[in-house]
């Protein structure tokens, strides 16, 4: 089914600037949607990777503090 959508003139011009001679507006919109989904997926992967690295760093820092803590005879008054 084909439908008509309303676009502001600046949006239509931006879409026109993105398309090549043989591409349709639908192909351009689908390509933009695919690119957006790919960007979201990559951002999610980077955030997960960053959290894992921070977790590893926190474990290392904790080990270092445990070593220092065992060397010192703490007295709380």
Protein backbone atom coordinates (compact mmCIF):
# COMPACT_ATOMS: atom_id res chain seq x y z
CA UNK A 1 0.00 0.00 0.00
CA UNK A 2 1.33 3.41 -0.94
CA UNK A 3 0.58 6.38 1.26
CA UNK A 4 1.30 10.08 1.29
CA UNK A 5 3.02 11.82 4.17
CA UNK A 6 3.39 15.51 4.84
CA UNK A 7 6.89 16.92 5.25
CA UNK A 8 8.16 20.40 5.87
CA UNK A 9 9.99 21.82 2.89
CA UNK A 10 13.34 21.72 4.75
CA UNK A 11 12.89 18.00 5.51
CA UNK A 12 12.04 17.27 1.88
CA UNK A 13 15.15 19.17 0.76
CA UNK A 14 17.33 17.28 3.25
CA UNK A 15 15.98 13.96 1.96
CA UNK A 16 16.51 15.11 -1.61
CA UNK A 17 20.12 16.03 -0.82
CA UNK A 18 20.72 12.52 0.58
CA UNK A 19 19.37 10.61 -2.38
CA UNK A 20 21.16 9.57 -5.50
CA UNK A 21 19.56 9.69 -8.91
CA UNK A 22 18.03 6.23 -8.74
CA UNK A 23 17.09 6.10 -5.04
CA UNK A 24 13.55 6.68 -3.88
CA UNK A 25 12.61 8.62 -0.79
CA UNK A 26 11.46 5.34 0.73
CA UNK A 27 14.91 3.82 0.20
CA UNK A 28 16.54 6.86 1.80
CA UNK A 29 14.23 6.68 4.83
CA UNK A 30 14.82 2.93 5.21
CA UNK A 31 18.58 3.48 4.99
CA UNK A 32 18.40 6.18 7.68
CA UNK A 33 16.35 3.88 9.91
CA UNK A 34 18.88 1.06 9.44
CA UNK A 35 21.78 3.42 10.21
CA UNK A 36 19.99 4.63 13.34
CA UNK A 37 19.44 1.08 14.61
CA UNK A 38 23.08 0.19 13.90
CA UNK A 39 24.25 3.27 15.80
CA UNK A 40 22.06 2.35 18.79
CA UNK A 41 23.44 -1.20 18.77
CA UNK A 42 27.04 0.03 18.64
CA UNK A 43 26.43 2.53 21.45
CA UNK A 44 24.93 -0.22 23.60
CA UNK A 45 27.93 -2.48 22.93
CA UNK A 46 30.33 0.35 23.81
CA UNK A 47 28.47 1.10 27.05
CA UNK A 48 28.57 -2.58 28.04
CA UNK A 49 32.28 -2.78 27.21
CA UNK A 50 32.94 0.38 29.23
CA UNK A 51 31.06 -1.00 32.24
CA UNK A 52 33.04 -4.24 32.07
CA UNK A 53 36.31 -2.30 31.99
CA UNK A 54 35.24 -0.16 34.94
CA UNK A 55 34.25 -3.30 36.85
CA UNK A 56 37.67 -4.86 36.19
CA UNK A 57 39.38 -1.65 37.34
CA UNK A 58 37.27 -1.57 40.50
CA UNK A 59 38.21 -5.17 41.30
CA UNK A 60 41.89 -4.35 40.85
CA UNK A 61 41.62 -1.30 43.11
CA UNK A 62 39.79 -3.38 45.71
CA UNK A 63 42.57 -5.99 45.67
CA UNK A 64 45.17 -3.27 46.15
CA UNK A 65 43.27 -1.83 49.12
CA UNK A 66 42.84 -5.27 50.66
CA UNK A 67 46.62 -5.74 50.49
CA UNK A 68 47.20 -2.38 52.18
CA UNK A 69 44.52 -3.08 54.76
CA UNK A 70 46.12 -6.39 55.78
CA UNK A 71 49.51 -4.66 56.27
CA UNK A 72 48.16 -2.02 58.64
CA UNK A 73 47.02 -2.70 62.18
CA UNK A 74 43.94 -0.52 62.38
CA UNK A 75 42.65 0.59 65.74
CA UNK A 76 39.33 2.31 66.00
CA UNK A 77 38.68 4.27 69.15
